[in-house]
Structure formats: structure tokens, C-alpha cells
Protein backbone atom coordinates (compact mmCIF):
# COMPACT_ATOMS: atom_id res chain seq x y z
CA MET A 1 13.27 -7.18 11.06
CA LYS A 2 13.46 -9.00 7.75
CA ILE A 3 13.30 -7.10 4.45
CA ASP A 4 12.37 -8.97 1.27
CA ALA A 5 12.50 -7.55 -2.24
CA THR A 6 9.41 -8.01 -4.39
CA ASP A 7 8.98 -8.38 -8.14
CA LEU A 8 8.65 -4.59 -8.36
CA SER A 9 11.77 -2.53 -7.92
CA ASP A 10 11.76 -0.55 -4.67
CA VAL A 11 8.59 -2.16 -3.22
CA LEU A 12 9.58 -4.08 -0.08
CA LEU A 13 7.89 -6.71 2.07
CA ILE A 14 8.85 -6.28 5.71
CA THR A 15 8.46 -8.84 8.46
CA PRO A 16 9.19 -7.40 11.90
CA SER A 17 10.85 -9.35 14.70
CA ILE A 18 8.07 -10.45 17.05
CA HIS A 19 8.82 -10.96 20.73
CA THR A 20 6.26 -13.21 22.41
CA ASP A 21 5.73 -14.51 25.92
CA ASN A 22 2.82 -15.62 28.09
CA ARG A 23 1.41 -12.05 28.08
CA GLY A 24 1.23 -11.70 24.30
CA TYR A 25 3.64 -10.08 21.87
CA PHE A 26 5.63 -6.90 21.19
CA TYR A 27 7.30 -5.56 18.07
CA GLU A 28 8.60 -2.30 16.67
CA SER A 29 6.33 -1.45 13.76
CA PHE A 30 8.83 1.16 12.55
CA ASN A 31 12.33 2.26 13.48
CA GLU A 32 13.80 4.89 11.16
CA LYS A 33 17.45 4.00 11.89
CA LYS A 34 16.94 0.26 11.36
CA PHE A 35 14.86 0.85 8.23
CA PHE A 36 17.59 3.05 6.72
CA LYS A 37 20.37 0.64 7.71
CA LEU A 38 18.59 -2.32 6.10
CA THR A 39 17.23 -0.57 3.00
CA GLY A 40 19.27 2.59 2.37
CA ILE A 41 15.93 4.41 2.07
CA ASN A 42 15.47 7.63 4.02
CA PHE A 43 11.79 7.20 4.89
CA ARG A 44 10.60 9.92 7.26
CA PRO A 45 6.89 9.66 8.03
CA VAL A 46 4.99 12.90 8.64
CA GLN A 47 1.47 11.48 8.93
CA ASP A 48 -0.21 8.28 10.15
CA ASN A 49 -3.46 7.17 8.53
CA GLN A 50 -5.86 4.53 9.79
CA SER A 51 -8.93 3.01 8.21
CA TYR A 52 -11.60 0.59 9.37
CA SER A 53 -13.40 -1.40 6.69
CA LYS A 54 -15.74 -4.34 6.34
CA GLN A 55 -15.17 -7.43 4.21
CA GLY A 56 -15.16 -6.73 0.49
CA THR A 57 -14.23 -3.06 0.85
CA LEU A 58 -11.82 -2.11 -1.91
CA ARG A 59 -9.95 1.18 -1.37
CA GLY A 60 -7.93 2.58 -4.25
CA ILE A 61 -6.04 2.69 -6.53
CA HIS A 62 -4.86 5.99 -4.99
CA PHE A 63 -1.76 8.16 -5.30
CA GLN A 64 -0.67 11.79 -5.15
CA THR A 65 1.14 13.73 -7.88
CA ASN A 66 4.13 16.07 -7.63
CA PRO A 67 5.07 17.84 -5.49
CA MET A 68 2.99 15.88 -2.97
CA GLN A 69 3.90 12.28 -3.86
CA GLN A 70 3.80 9.87 -0.95
CA ALA A 71 5.76 6.80 0.01
CA LYS A 72 3.76 4.51 2.33
CA LEU A 73 4.45 1.86 4.92
CA VAL A 74 1.27 -0.22 5.29
CA HIS A 75 0.37 -2.71 8.02
CA VAL A 76 -2.77 -4.30 9.42
CA ILE A 77 -3.76 -3.90 13.07
CA GLU A 78 -6.82 -6.16 12.87
CA GLY A 79 -7.96 -8.58 10.15
CA GLU A 80 -6.50 -9.25 6.71
CA ILE A 81 -6.18 -7.39 3.42
CA PHE A 82 -4.91 -8.08 -0.08
CA ASP A 83 -2.61 -5.08 -0.56
CA ILE A 84 -1.37 -3.96 -3.96
CA ALA A 85 1.20 -1.56 -5.34
CA VAL A 86 1.14 -0.45 -8.99
CA ASP A 87 4.18 1.10 -10.67
CA LEU A 88 3.03 4.37 -12.28
CA ARG A 89 6.52 5.68 -13.10
CA ARG A 90 6.30 6.07 -16.87
CA GLU A 91 10.04 5.57 -17.48
CA SER A 92 10.24 2.48 -15.26
CA PRO A 93 10.76 -0.95 -16.86
CA SER A 94 7.93 -2.16 -14.60
CA TYR A 95 5.47 0.60 -15.59
CA CYS A 96 1.88 -0.67 -15.11
CA LYS A 97 3.06 -3.81 -13.33
CA TRP A 98 1.64 -4.62 -9.91
CA ILE A 99 2.24 -6.86 -6.94
CA GLY A 100 -0.22 -8.09 -4.35
CA LYS A 101 0.55 -9.35 -0.85
CA TYR A 102 -1.65 -10.54 1.98
CA LEU A 103 -1.04 -8.47 5.10
CA SER A 104 -2.72 -9.39 8.36
CA SER A 105 -2.75 -8.88 12.09
CA LYS A 106 -1.51 -12.48 12.34
CA ASN A 107 1.47 -12.34 9.96
CA HIS A 108 2.41 -8.73 10.95
CA ARG A 109 3.90 -8.17 7.49
CA GLN A 110 4.19 -4.65 6.12
CA LEU A 111 4.47 -3.33 2.59
CA TYR A 112 6.71 -0.38 1.77
CA ILE A 113 5.41 1.42 -1.32
CA PRO A 114 7.66 4.17 -2.71
CA GLU A 115 6.68 7.42 -4.36
CA GLY A 116 5.46 6.96 -7.93
CA PHE A 117 3.24 3.98 -7.11
CA GLY A 118 -0.49 3.60 -6.80
CA HIS A 119 -1.86 1.81 -3.75
CA ALA A 120 -5.05 -0.14 -3.10
CA PHE A 121 -6.30 -2.86 -0.79
CA LEU A 122 -9.20 -5.26 -0.51
CA VAL A 123 -10.45 -6.42 2.89
CA THR A 124 -10.55 -10.22 2.85
CA SER A 125 -11.44 -10.80 6.52
CA GLU A 126 -14.77 -9.94 8.18
CA GLU A 127 -13.34 -6.51 9.00
CA ALA A 128 -9.92 -4.86 9.04
CA ARG A 129 -8.09 -1.94 10.58
CA VAL A 130 -5.27 -0.73 8.37
CA MET A 131 -2.59 1.74 9.38
CA TYR A 132 -0.06 3.38 7.13
CA LYS A 133 2.67 5.91 7.55
CA VAL A 134 3.30 8.41 4.76
CA ASN A 135 6.23 10.71 4.08
CA ASN A 136 4.16 13.63 2.77
CA TYR A 137 0.94 15.27 3.83
CA TYR A 138 -2.43 14.53 2.25
CA SER A 139 -3.30 17.02 -0.47
CA PRO A 140 -6.76 16.79 -2.08
CA LYS A 141 -5.48 18.95 -4.95
CA HIS A 142 -2.83 16.32 -5.82
CA GLU A 143 -4.87 13.19 -5.14
CA CYS A 144 -5.63 10.87 -8.06
CA SER A 145 -7.37 7.54 -8.52
CA ILE A 146 -7.29 4.82 -11.14
CA LYS A 147 -10.15 2.37 -11.54
CA TYR A 148 -9.50 -0.91 -9.73
CA ASP A 149 -10.41 -3.04 -12.77
CA ASP A 150 -8.32 -1.15 -15.34
CA PRO A 151 -7.64 -3.67 -18.15
CA LYS A 152 -4.18 -2.19 -18.74
CA LEU A 153 -3.20 -3.19 -15.18
CA ASP A 154 -5.06 -6.54 -15.18
CA ILE A 155 -4.96 -6.90 -11.39
CA LYS A 156 -5.97 -10.36 -10.18
CA TRP A 157 -8.15 -9.51 -7.18
CA PRO A 158 -9.44 -12.23 -4.84
CA ASP A 159 -12.84 -13.48 -5.96
CA MET A 160 -15.44 -11.69 -3.82
CA LYS A 161 -18.06 -8.97 -4.01
CA PHE A 162 -16.51 -5.48 -3.79
CA HIS A 163 -17.77 -2.43 -1.93
CA LEU A 164 -16.47 0.82 -3.42
CA SER A 165 -16.75 4.48 -2.54
CA ASP A 166 -18.41 6.66 -5.18
CA LYS A 167 -15.01 8.22 -5.89
CA ASP A 168 -13.37 4.83 -6.52
CA ALA A 169 -16.31 3.56 -8.59
CA GLN A 170 -16.07 6.64 -10.83
CA ALA A 171 -12.26 6.68 -11.17
CA ASP A 172 -10.78 6.79 -14.67
CA TYR A 173 -8.82 4.11 -16.44
CA LEU A 174 -5.13 4.73 -17.09
CA HIS A 175 -4.57 6.36 -20.47
CA ASP A 176 -1.48 6.00 -22.69
CA GLU A 177 -0.82 9.72 -22.36
CA SER A 178 -1.01 9.57 -18.55
CA ASN A 179 2.12 11.00 -17.00
CA PHE A 180 1.61 11.62 -13.33
CA PHE A 181 5.17 12.15 -12.21
């Protein structure tokens, strides 16, 4: 497993060790002991989430507030996505900054997104199956969304037609007084 830092503090790009032979491949998508040894982060998933989406589907920008914040470990089982993390920690030097990485079933890369970050992805392949582990349970009462095209964030999405849920289409922009955490 290879862990690479990103331009955002605490967001990590993970490339697992892939073992291939004439039958196909095998890899550990998560090992708590190895993850802790390599990162020093005590990430203990309590829930796995999976989504299936068609090309152009944009999900997010989603996050949960205290006391139900979630760290996420995202990977793609089928297809490709442009995955983003947005720093929403008001006191952070990278507040409102974002990073985007292509994750796919071919590159097997994963993105670790810590608590205090928003998360979104855009399906760039014909379809995609995305799986992510979270360290806290889903709580509708603590769920929040920020509009994907918020000018304050200025996310550079791949150029394609988007398909949004009603909830994501009606999400609010980030306000200066926003303090989620």
C-alpha cells in the first residue's frame, strides 16, 4: 500500500498493492493495522456505503455536522469518478480549498477524506459503482449539502452535462457565517 499526501492537509491518496496472475487480481481494500501504521490515523469504519450511478451523475457536496461527522475512505468498484474533498474546517489554513482526483476500477486508487470535509463525485465513465467506508453512522438530522457550483469554492469540474438529485440541485451556497464544526 502506498500513501501519498495531497495539497490538502489530512486528505490522502492511497494506492493499494495489487497482486495479479493469470486468474486476475487481488488486493486488500482496507486493513486497519496497516492504515494506522502508515498514517497514524485511527480510522475505524462502522458503515459501508455503495452507490451505482450513470455518466454525468454528480453526488454532493455532502457532509455531516457534530457530533456525527464522518471520515470516509472512497474507492471505485466499477467505472471512473472525479472525486473531490473540500476543507470546511473554518480555522484551517486550507478552508474552502478543494482537491480532485480520478478514482477508477482500473487504477484502484482510494481517497481518504477526514472529518470536517465535504465530499462529492462526478461519474466520468458510462456508469460507476462507488464504495466508501465511514467512521460514523448516517444521520439525516446532521446531514448537510453545499451547492456543487459554489463560487466561493470554484471547483473545476470536468466538462460534461450533470445529473443532480433534487436535494443537490437545491443545496445552499457556503456563507461567510457558516460554521459547521
